[in-house]
Amino acid sequence: MVVSAYLLPGVTLSGFGAALLAALVLGLLNVFIKPILLLLTLPINILTLGLFTLVINALVIMVVSAIVPGFHVSGFWYALLFSVVLSIVLWLINSVK
């Protein structure tokens, strides 16, 4: 999360504590809320061949930005870019294992 925030100018973190709290809240929302959103948006997700999942990821990141103090995302497009960069960083970390 810190690497993604460092790479994008529209995403700011006030410190390590904010990054840790944002990661925790993002993980909790991904476990509890994201499956419900994916189920509710299944028809549009099928029509877009899964690309609508990126929009859902961006919306979840914007919710985290609204909840966690010290973590701020400037807008929807930065949230979308943040989710893509975060996915790439996590994929790189997992491929090293």
N, C-alpha and C. Protein backbone atom coordinates (compact mmCIF):
# COMPACT_ATOMS: atom_id res chain seq x y z
N MET A 1 0.82 -1.18 0.00
CA MET A 1 0.00 0.00 0.00
C MET A 1 0.88 1.25 0.00
N VAL A 2 1.96 1.21 0.73
CA VAL A 2 2.85 2.36 0.82
C VAL A 2 3.51 2.62 -0.54
N VAL A 3 3.89 1.55 -1.23
CA VAL A 3 4.53 1.70 -2.54
C VAL A 3 3.55 2.31 -3.54
N SER A 4 2.32 1.86 -3.51
CA SER A 4 1.31 2.40 -4.43
C SER A 4 1.03 3.87 -4.14
N ALA A 5 0.97 4.23 -2.88
CA ALA A 5 0.75 5.63 -2.52
C ALA A 5 1.94 6.49 -2.89
N TYR A 6 3.14 5.92 -2.82
CA TYR A 6 4.34 6.67 -3.19
C TYR A 6 4.39 6.93 -4.69
N LEU A 7 3.89 5.99 -5.49
CA LEU A 7 3.96 6.12 -6.94
C LEU A 7 2.91 7.07 -7.51
N LEU A 8 1.79 7.24 -6.84
CA LEU A 8 0.71 8.07 -7.37
C LEU A 8 0.62 9.39 -6.61
N PRO A 9 0.61 10.51 -7.33
CA PRO A 9 0.55 11.81 -6.64
C PRO A 9 -0.81 12.12 -6.02
N GLY A 10 -1.87 11.47 -6.46
CA GLY A 10 -3.20 11.75 -5.94
C GLY A 10 -3.56 10.96 -4.70
N VAL A 11 -2.63 10.13 -4.22
CA VAL A 11 -2.87 9.31 -3.03
C VAL A 11 -1.85 9.74 -1.97
N THR A 12 -2.35 10.09 -0.78
CA THR A 12 -1.44 10.51 0.29
C THR A 12 -1.66 9.67 1.54
N LEU A 13 -0.56 9.39 2.19
CA LEU A 13 -0.55 8.70 3.48
C LEU A 13 0.19 9.58 4.46
N SER A 14 -0.36 9.72 5.65
CA SER A 14 0.29 10.59 6.63
C SER A 14 1.37 9.87 7.42
N GLY A 15 1.41 8.57 7.36
CA GLY A 15 2.43 7.84 8.10
C GLY A 15 2.19 6.34 8.06
N PHE A 16 3.05 5.63 8.77
CA PHE A 16 2.96 4.17 8.77
C PHE A 16 1.70 3.68 9.46
N GLY A 17 1.28 4.36 10.50
CA GLY A 17 0.05 3.97 11.21
C GLY A 17 -1.17 4.10 10.32
N ALA A 18 -1.22 5.16 9.55
CA ALA A 18 -2.34 5.35 8.62
C ALA A 18 -2.32 4.28 7.54
N ALA A 19 -1.13 3.90 7.07
CA ALA A 19 -1.01 2.85 6.06
C ALA A 19 -1.46 1.51 6.62
N LEU A 20 -1.07 1.23 7.85
CA LEU A 20 -1.47 -0.02 8.48
C LEU A 20 -2.98 -0.08 8.70
N LEU A 21 -3.56 1.02 9.17
CA LEU A 21 -5.00 1.07 9.39
C LEU A 21 -5.76 0.99 8.07
N ALA A 22 -5.26 1.66 7.04
CA ALA A 22 -5.91 1.62 5.72
C ALA A 22 -5.85 0.20 5.15
N ALA A 23 -4.73 -0.47 5.32
CA ALA A 23 -4.61 -1.85 4.84
C ALA A 23 -5.57 -2.77 5.59
N LEU A 24 -5.71 -2.57 6.88
CA LEU A 24 -6.62 -3.38 7.68
C LEU A 24 -8.07 -3.16 7.25
N VAL A 25 -8.46 -1.90 7.10
CA VAL A 25 -9.84 -1.59 6.69
C VAL A 25 -10.10 -2.09 5.27
N LEU A 26 -9.11 -1.94 4.38
CA LEU A 26 -9.26 -2.43 3.01
C LEU A 26 -9.43 -3.95 3.00
N GLY A 27 -8.67 -4.63 3.81
CA GLY A 27 -8.80 -6.08 3.90
C GLY A 27 -10.16 -6.50 4.43
N LEU A 28 -10.65 -5.81 5.46
CA LEU A 28 -11.96 -6.14 6.01
C LEU A 28 -13.08 -5.88 5.01
N LEU A 29 -12.99 -4.76 4.29
CA LEU A 29 -14.02 -4.47 3.28
C LEU A 29 -13.96 -5.47 2.13
N ASN A 30 -12.75 -5.89 1.77
CA ASN A 30 -12.61 -6.88 0.70
C ASN A 30 -13.18 -8.24 1.11
N VAL A 31 -13.14 -8.55 2.39
CA VAL A 31 -13.66 -9.84 2.86
C VAL A 31 -15.18 -9.79 3.02
N PHE A 32 -15.71 -8.71 3.56
CA PHE A 32 -17.13 -8.69 3.91
C PHE A 32 -18.03 -7.98 2.89
N ILE A 33 -17.59 -6.87 2.32
CA ILE A 33 -18.44 -6.05 1.46
C ILE A 33 -18.26 -6.37 -0.02
N LYS A 34 -17.03 -6.59 -0.45
CA LYS A 34 -16.77 -6.78 -1.87
C LYS A 34 -17.50 -7.98 -2.47
N PRO A 35 -17.59 -9.14 -1.80
CA PRO A 35 -18.36 -10.24 -2.40
C PRO A 35 -19.84 -9.91 -2.62
N ILE A 36 -20.41 -9.13 -1.72
CA ILE A 36 -21.80 -8.72 -1.88
C ILE A 36 -21.94 -7.80 -3.09
N LEU A 37 -21.01 -6.86 -3.22
CA LEU A 37 -21.04 -5.96 -4.38
C LEU A 37 -20.84 -6.72 -5.69
N LEU A 38 -19.95 -7.69 -5.68
CA LEU A 38 -19.73 -8.48 -6.88
C LEU A 38 -20.98 -9.29 -7.26
N LEU A 39 -21.66 -9.79 -6.28
CA LEU A 39 -22.89 -10.55 -6.55
C LEU A 39 -23.99 -9.64 -7.08
N LEU A 40 -24.12 -8.46 -6.50
CA LEU A 40 -25.16 -7.53 -6.94
C LEU A 40 -24.91 -6.99 -8.35
N THR A 41 -23.64 -6.87 -8.72
CA THR A 41 -23.29 -6.31 -10.03
C THR A 41 -22.88 -7.39 -11.02
N LEU A 42 -23.29 -8.62 -10.77
CA LEU A 42 -22.90 -9.72 -11.64
C LEU A 42 -23.32 -9.54 -13.10
N PRO A 43 -24.54 -9.08 -13.39
CA PRO A 43 -24.89 -8.92 -14.80
C PRO A 43 -24.01 -7.91 -15.55
N ILE A 44 -23.74 -6.77 -14.95
CA ILE A 44 -22.89 -5.79 -15.63
C ILE A 44 -21.44 -6.27 -15.67
N ASN A 45 -21.05 -7.03 -14.68
CA ASN A 45 -19.70 -7.60 -14.67
C ASN A 45 -19.54 -8.62 -15.79
N ILE A 46 -20.56 -9.39 -16.06
CA ILE A 46 -20.51 -10.35 -17.17
C ILE A 46 -20.48 -9.61 -18.51
N LEU A 47 -21.28 -8.55 -18.63
CA LEU A 47 -21.31 -7.78 -19.88
C LEU A 47 -19.97 -7.11 -20.18
N THR A 48 -19.27 -6.69 -19.15
CA THR A 48 -17.98 -6.02 -19.35
C THR A 48 -16.80 -6.98 -19.26
N LEU A 49 -17.10 -8.26 -19.22
CA LEU A 49 -16.06 -9.31 -19.14
C LEU A 49 -15.16 -9.15 -17.92
N GLY A 50 -15.74 -8.72 -16.84
CA GLY A 50 -15.01 -8.62 -15.58
C GLY A 50 -14.35 -7.28 -15.32
N LEU A 51 -14.39 -6.36 -16.28
CA LEU A 51 -13.73 -5.07 -16.09
C LEU A 51 -14.44 -4.19 -15.07
N PHE A 52 -15.71 -4.45 -14.82
CA PHE A 52 -16.43 -3.67 -13.81
C PHE A 52 -15.89 -3.94 -12.41
N THR A 53 -15.17 -5.02 -12.24
CA THR A 53 -14.52 -5.31 -10.96
C THR A 53 -13.52 -4.21 -10.60
N LEU A 54 -12.88 -3.61 -11.61
CA LEU A 54 -11.98 -2.49 -11.35
C LEU A 54 -12.73 -1.31 -10.76
N VAL A 55 -13.93 -1.07 -11.23
CA VAL A 55 -14.75 0.02 -10.70
C VAL A 55 -15.13 -0.27 -9.25
N ILE A 56 -15.47 -1.51 -8.96
CA ILE A 56 -15.81 -1.90 -7.59
C ILE A 56 -14.59 -1.73 -6.69
N ASN A 57 -13.42 -2.13 -7.16
CA ASN A 57 -12.19 -1.93 -6.38
C ASN A 57 -11.96 -0.46 -6.10
N ALA A 58 -12.16 0.40 -7.09
CA ALA A 58 -11.97 1.84 -6.90
C ALA A 58 -12.97 2.39 -5.88
N LEU A 59 -14.20 1.94 -5.94
CA LEU A 59 -15.20 2.40 -4.97
C LEU A 59 -14.86 1.96 -3.55
N VAL A 60 -14.37 0.74 -3.41
CA VAL A 60 -13.97 0.25 -2.08
C VAL A 60 -12.80 1.09 -1.55
N ILE A 61 -11.86 1.43 -2.42
CA ILE A 61 -10.72 2.26 -2.00
C ILE A 61 -11.19 3.66 -1.62
N MET A 62 -12.17 4.19 -2.32
CA MET A 62 -12.70 5.51 -1.94
C MET A 62 -13.42 5.45 -0.60
N VAL A 63 -14.08 4.34 -0.29
CA VAL A 63 -14.71 4.18 1.02
C VAL A 63 -13.64 4.13 2.10
N VAL A 64 -12.55 3.41 1.84
CA VAL A 64 -11.45 3.36 2.81
C VAL A 64 -10.88 4.76 3.02
N SER A 65 -10.76 5.53 1.94
CA SER A 65 -10.26 6.90 2.05
C SER A 65 -11.18 7.77 2.90
N ALA A 66 -12.48 7.51 2.83
CA ALA A 66 -13.42 8.29 3.63
C ALA A 66 -13.41 7.87 5.10
N ILE A 67 -13.08 6.62 5.37
CA ILE A 67 -13.12 6.10 6.74
C ILE A 67 -11.83 6.38 7.50
N VAL A 68 -10.69 6.15 6.86
CA VAL A 68 -9.40 6.17 7.55
C VAL A 68 -8.80 7.57 7.51
N PRO A 69 -8.54 8.14 8.69
CA PRO A 69 -7.85 9.43 8.70
C PRO A 69 -6.36 9.23 8.36
N GLY A 70 -5.84 10.14 7.56
CA GLY A 70 -4.44 10.04 7.17
C GLY A 70 -4.24 9.33 5.84
N PHE A 71 -5.30 8.79 5.28
CA PHE A 71 -5.25 8.16 3.95
C PHE A 71 -6.25 8.89 3.08
N HIS A 72 -5.74 9.52 2.02
CA HIS A 72 -6.62 10.33 1.17
C HIS A 72 -6.37 10.01 -0.30
N VAL A 73 -7.46 9.82 -1.03
CA VAL A 73 -7.40 9.61 -2.47
C VAL A 73 -8.14 10.78 -3.12
N SER A 74 -7.51 11.43 -4.10
CA SER A 74 -8.05 12.66 -4.68
C SER A 74 -9.35 12.48 -5.44
N GLY A 75 -9.54 11.37 -6.08
CA GLY A 75 -10.77 11.18 -6.86
C GLY A 75 -10.88 9.76 -7.35
N PHE A 76 -11.92 9.54 -8.16
CA PHE A 76 -12.20 8.19 -8.64
C PHE A 76 -11.07 7.65 -9.51
N TRP A 77 -10.52 8.47 -10.39
CA TRP A 77 -9.49 7.99 -11.31
C TRP A 77 -8.22 7.62 -10.57
N TYR A 78 -7.87 8.38 -9.54
CA TYR A 78 -6.72 7.99 -8.73
C TYR A 78 -7.00 6.72 -7.94
N ALA A 79 -8.24 6.54 -7.51
CA ALA A 79 -8.60 5.29 -6.81
C ALA A 79 -8.50 4.11 -7.77
N LEU A 80 -8.92 4.31 -9.02
CA LEU A 80 -8.81 3.26 -10.03
C LEU A 80 -7.36 2.92 -10.31
N LEU A 81 -6.54 3.95 -10.49
CA LEU A 81 -5.10 3.74 -10.71
C LEU A 81 -4.45 3.08 -9.50
N PHE A 82 -4.86 3.51 -8.31
CA PHE A 82 -4.32 2.93 -7.07
C PHE A 82 -4.64 1.44 -7.00
N SER A 83 -5.86 1.05 -7.37
CA SER A 83 -6.21 -0.36 -7.32
C SER A 83 -5.41 -1.17 -8.34
N VAL A 84 -5.16 -0.60 -9.50
CA VAL A 84 -4.37 -1.30 -10.52
C VAL A 84 -2.92 -1.44 -10.07
N VAL A 85 -2.34 -0.34 -9.57
CA VAL A 85 -0.95 -0.38 -9.10
C VAL A 85 -0.81 -1.32 -7.91
N LEU A 86 -1.77 -1.29 -7.00
CA LEU A 86 -1.73 -2.18 -5.84
C LEU A 86 -1.81 -3.64 -6.28
N SER A 87 -2.63 -3.93 -7.26
CA SER A 87 -2.72 -5.30 -7.77
C SER A 87 -1.40 -5.75 -8.40
N ILE A 88 -0.77 -4.86 -9.15
CA ILE A 88 0.51 -5.20 -9.78
C ILE A 88 1.59 -5.42 -8.73
N VAL A 89 1.64 -4.56 -7.73
CA VAL A 89 2.64 -4.69 -6.66
C VAL A 89 2.43 -6.00 -5.91
N LEU A 90 1.19 -6.33 -5.57
CA LEU A 90 0.91 -7.58 -4.87
C LEU A 90 1.23 -8.79 -5.74
N TRP A 91 0.98 -8.68 -7.05
CA TRP A 91 1.32 -9.77 -7.95
C TRP A 91 2.84 -9.97 -8.00
N LEU A 92 3.59 -8.86 -8.05
CA LEU A 92 5.06 -8.98 -8.04
C LEU A 92 5.57 -9.59 -6.75
N ILE A 93 5.00 -9.21 -5.63
CA ILE A 93 5.42 -9.76 -4.34
C ILE A 93 5.12 -11.26 -4.28
N ASN A 94 3.95 -11.65 -4.76
CA ASN A 94 3.57 -13.06 -4.74
C ASN A 94 4.39 -13.89 -5.72
N SER A 95 4.84 -13.29 -6.80
CA SER A 95 5.63 -14.05 -7.78
C SER A 95 7.04 -14.28 -7.30
N VAL A 96 7.53 -13.51 -6.35
CA VAL A 96 8.88 -13.68 -5.81
C VAL A 96 8.94 -14.88 -4.87
N LYS A 97 7.85 -15.19 -4.22
CA LYS A 97 7.83 -16.30 -3.25
C LYS A 97 8.25 -17.58 -3.85
